[in-house]
Amino acid sequence: MLFRSDEDDTYAEFVSLALLPLPGLNKTLDTYVAEFSKDIPFTHKNAVIRQNEKMTKSGKPCYVLKYAGKFSEFPLAYLQYIWFENDTVYTLTYLAQQGSFEKWETTARRIMDSFTFKP
């Protein structure tokens, strides 16, 4: 799902789902998120982590990460839901340019909160 404020908006905010198989690495949700969150300041200049909280989303344990920083030369903000299931990381991300993040956050959260795992 792409969001644009107007025709002059140069960065399309979006929600995406990424799967990362990690078989045989003995990872857990907690260990993966701990390692991932430690890397944020190395991949984003002036990184600020606003939320790093474990909760339940889609009926499963999930971390909610909300952070911002400069990636390359782009000031970006993220909201991520991260699950770990069957040696696979599921990351549902709302990515936006800083300054536009709040404008679409409510809509993005509604989309993200509608995500479910099939039994």
C-alpha atoms as a PDB file:
ATOM      1  CA  MET A   1       0.000   0.000   0.000  1.00  0.00           C
ATOM      2  CA  LEU A   2       1.535   3.321  -1.068  1.00  0.00           C
ATOM      3  CA  PHE A   3       0.587   6.678   0.451  1.00  0.00           C
ATOM      4  CA  ARG A   4       1.253  10.056  -1.156  1.00  0.00           C
ATOM      5  CA  SER A   5       0.372  13.428   0.349  1.00  0.00           C
ATOM      6  CA  ASP A   6       0.026  15.091  -3.055  1.00  0.00           C
ATOM      7  CA  GLU A   7       1.482  15.004  -6.553  1.00  0.00           C
ATOM      8  CA  ASP A   8       4.639  16.806  -5.375  1.00  0.00           C
ATOM      9  CA  ASP A   9       5.342  14.224  -2.673  1.00  0.00           C
ATOM     10  CA  THR A  10       8.720  12.732  -3.651  1.00  0.00           C
ATOM     11  CA  TYR A  11       8.634   9.796  -1.228  1.00  0.00           C
ATOM     12  CA  ALA A  12       5.771   7.311  -1.195  1.00  0.00           C
ATOM     13  CA  GLU A  13       5.156   5.982   2.298  1.00  0.00           C
ATOM     14  CA  PHE A  14       4.203   2.303   2.367  1.00  0.00           C
ATOM     15  CA  VAL A  15       3.337  -0.816   4.350  1.00  0.00           C
ATOM     16  CA  SER A  16       5.177  -4.025   3.462  1.00  0.00           C
ATOM     17  CA  LEU A  17       5.702  -7.555   4.731  1.00  0.00           C
ATOM     18  CA  ALA A  18       9.112  -9.250   4.632  1.00  0.00           C
ATOM     19  CA  LEU A  19       9.965 -12.849   5.526  1.00  0.00           C
ATOM     20  CA  LEU A  20      13.484 -13.835   6.561  1.00  0.00           C
ATOM     21  CA  PRO A  21      14.131 -17.569   7.019  1.00  0.00           C
ATOM     22  CA  LEU A  22      16.758 -18.266   9.702  1.00  0.00           C
ATOM     23  CA  PRO A  23      16.880 -22.072   9.910  1.00  0.00           C
ATOM     24  CA  GLY A  24      19.380 -23.657  12.250  1.00  0.00           C
ATOM     25  CA  LEU A  25      20.535 -20.421  13.887  1.00  0.00           C
ATOM     26  CA  ASN A  26      18.752 -21.065  17.192  1.00  0.00           C
ATOM     27  CA  LYS A  27      17.150 -17.614  17.155  1.00  0.00           C
ATOM     28  CA  THR A  28      14.087 -16.623  19.135  1.00  0.00           C
ATOM     29  CA  LEU A  29      11.880 -13.577  18.842  1.00  0.00           C
ATOM     30  CA  ASP A  30      13.652 -12.001  21.799  1.00  0.00           C
ATOM     31  CA  THR A  31      17.206 -12.678  20.570  1.00  0.00           C
ATOM     32  CA  TYR A  32      16.427 -11.563  17.018  1.00  0.00           C
ATOM     33  CA  VAL A  33      14.860  -8.260  18.095  1.00  0.00           C
ATOM     34  CA  ALA A  34      17.660  -7.590  20.593  1.00  0.00           C
ATOM     35  CA  GLU A  35      20.251  -7.984  17.820  1.00  0.00           C
ATOM     36  CA  PHE A  36      18.179  -6.054  15.268  1.00  0.00           C
ATOM     37  CA  SER A  37      17.547  -3.103  17.578  1.00  0.00           C
ATOM     38  CA  LYS A  38      21.281  -2.897  18.436  1.00  0.00           C
ATOM     39  CA  ASP A  39      22.018  -2.491  14.697  1.00  0.00           C
ATOM     40  CA  ILE A  40      19.636   0.451  14.154  1.00  0.00           C
ATOM     41  CA  PRO A  41      22.156   3.129  15.278  1.00  0.00           C
ATOM     42  CA  PHE A  42      24.743   1.636  12.902  1.00  0.00           C
ATOM     43  CA  THR A  43      22.435   1.698   9.861  1.00  0.00           C
ATOM     44  CA  HIS A  44      20.714   5.020  10.605  1.00  0.00           C
ATOM     45  CA  LYS A  45      22.422   8.289  11.553  1.00  0.00           C
ATOM     46  CA  ASN A  46      20.924  10.082  14.559  1.00  0.00           C
ATOM     47  CA  ALA A  47      18.714   7.071  15.263  1.00  0.00           C
ATOM     48  CA  VAL A  48      16.060   7.400  17.949  1.00  0.00           C
ATOM     49  CA  ILE A  49      14.142   4.335  19.107  1.00  0.00           C
ATOM     50  CA  ARG A  50      10.788   5.526  20.441  1.00  0.00           C
ATOM     51  CA  GLN A  51       9.252   2.141  21.154  1.00  0.00           C
ATOM     52  CA  ASN A  52      10.629  -1.372  21.591  1.00  0.00           C
ATOM     53  CA  GLU A  53       7.871  -3.320  23.280  1.00  0.00           C
ATOM     54  CA  LYS A  54       6.812  -6.949  23.340  1.00  0.00           C
ATOM     55  CA  MET A  55       3.072  -7.519  23.037  1.00  0.00           C
ATOM     56  CA  THR A  56       0.562  -9.738  21.268  1.00  0.00           C
ATOM     57  CA  LYS A  57      -0.449  -8.974  17.693  1.00  0.00           C
ATOM     58  CA  SER A  58      -2.432 -11.288  15.437  1.00  0.00           C
ATOM     59  CA  GLY A  59      -2.718 -13.672  18.385  1.00  0.00           C
ATOM     60  CA  LYS A  60       1.052 -14.225  18.636  1.00  0.00           C
ATOM     61  CA  PRO A  61       3.971 -12.715  20.576  1.00  0.00           C
ATOM     62  CA  CYS A  62       5.282  -9.733  18.653  1.00  0.00           C
ATOM     63  CA  TYR A  63       7.649  -6.830  19.121  1.00  0.00           C
ATOM     64  CA  VAL A  64       6.518  -3.362  18.141  1.00  0.00           C
ATOM     65  CA  LEU A  65       9.410  -1.118  17.130  1.00  0.00           C
ATOM     66  CA  LYS A  66       9.023   2.548  16.338  1.00  0.00           C
ATOM     67  CA  TYR A  67      12.171   4.422  15.371  1.00  0.00           C
ATOM     68  CA  ALA A  68      13.548   7.149  13.155  1.00  0.00           C
ATOM     69  CA  GLY A  69      16.882   8.129  11.695  1.00  0.00           C
ATOM     70  CA  LYS A  70      18.691   9.120   8.569  1.00  0.00           C
ATOM     71  CA  PHE A  71      19.289   6.260   6.141  1.00  0.00           C
ATOM     72  CA  SER A  72      21.801   7.356   3.540  1.00  0.00           C
ATOM     73  CA  GLU A  73      20.546  10.921   3.088  1.00  0.00           C
ATOM     74  CA  PHE A  74      16.860  10.152   3.685  1.00  0.00           C
ATOM     75  CA  PRO A  75      15.228  11.075   7.018  1.00  0.00           C
ATOM     76  CA  LEU A  76      12.977   8.056   7.582  1.00  0.00           C
ATOM     77  CA  ALA A  77      10.624   6.817  10.301  1.00  0.00           C
ATOM     78  CA  TYR A  78       9.528   3.224  10.869  1.00  0.00           C
ATOM     79  CA  LEU A  79       6.808   1.321  12.656  1.00  0.00           C
ATOM     80  CA  GLN A  80       7.443  -2.415  12.663  1.00  0.00           C
ATOM     81  CA  TYR A  81       5.663  -5.486  13.977  1.00  0.00           C
ATOM     82  CA  ILE A  82       8.084  -8.412  14.240  1.00  0.00           C
ATOM     83  CA  TRP A  83       7.062 -12.046  14.759  1.00  0.00           C
ATOM     84  CA  PHE A  84       9.184 -15.196  14.838  1.00  0.00           C
ATOM     85  CA  GLU A  85       7.505 -18.425  13.725  1.00  0.00           C
ATOM     86  CA  ASN A  86       9.048 -21.718  12.535  1.00  0.00           C
ATOM     87  CA  ASP A  87      12.575 -20.263  12.228  1.00  0.00           C
ATOM     88  CA  THR A  88      11.267 -17.387  10.111  1.00  0.00           C
ATOM     89  CA  VAL A  89      11.119 -13.689  10.967  1.00  0.00           C
ATOM     90  CA  TYR A  90       7.985 -11.890   9.764  1.00  0.00           C
ATOM     91  CA  THR A  91       8.423  -8.121   9.674  1.00  0.00           C
ATOM     92  CA  LEU A  92       5.443  -5.920   8.885  1.00  0.00           C
ATOM     93  CA  THR A  93       6.702  -2.386   8.294  1.00  0.00           C
ATOM     94  CA  TYR A  94       5.214   1.055   7.823  1.00  0.00           C
ATOM     95  CA  LEU A  95       7.994   3.219   6.358  1.00  0.00           C
ATOM     96  CA  ALA A  96       7.648   6.948   5.864  1.00  0.00           C
ATOM     97  CA  GLN A  97       9.678  10.046   5.416  1.00  0.00           C
ATOM     98  CA  GLN A  98      10.035  11.956   8.670  1.00  0.00           C
ATOM     99  CA  GLY A  99       7.476  14.740   8.597  1.00  0.00           C
ATOM    100  CA  SER A 100       4.916  12.567   6.791  1.00  0.00           C
ATOM    101  CA  PHE A 101       4.988   9.672   9.245  1.00  0.00           C
ATOM    102  CA  GLU A 102       2.291  10.987  11.575  1.00  0.00           C
ATOM    103  CA  LYS A 103      -0.029  11.924   8.725  1.00  0.00           C
ATOM    104  CA  TRP A 104      -0.423   8.280   7.646  1.00  0.00           C
ATOM    105  CA  GLU A 105       0.334   6.455  10.913  1.00  0.00           C
ATOM    106  CA  THR A 106      -3.314   5.844  11.894  1.00  0.00           C
ATOM    107  CA  THR A 107      -4.136   4.413   8.460  1.00  0.00           C
ATOM    108  CA  ALA A 108      -0.959   2.324   8.445  1.00  0.00           C
ATOM    109  CA  ARG A 109      -1.730   0.929  11.913  1.00  0.00           C
ATOM    110  CA  ARG A 110      -5.224  -0.082  10.781  1.00  0.00           C
ATOM    111  CA  ILE A 111      -3.696  -1.945   7.847  1.00  0.00           C
ATOM    112  CA  MET A 112      -1.018  -3.548  10.003  1.00  0.00           C
ATOM    113  CA  ASP A 113      -3.481  -4.525  12.741  1.00  0.00           C
ATOM    114  CA  SER A 114      -5.609  -6.341  10.153  1.00  0.00           C
ATOM    115  CA  PHE A 115      -2.754  -8.789   9.433  1.00  0.00           C
ATOM    116  CA  THR A 116      -3.443 -12.362  10.539  1.00  0.00           C
ATOM    117  CA  PHE A 117      -1.633 -15.691  10.358  1.00  0.00           C
ATOM    118  CA  LYS A 118      -3.534 -18.533   8.718  1.00  0.00           C
ATOM    119  CA  PRO A 119      -3.963 -21.580  10.978  1.00  0.00           C
END
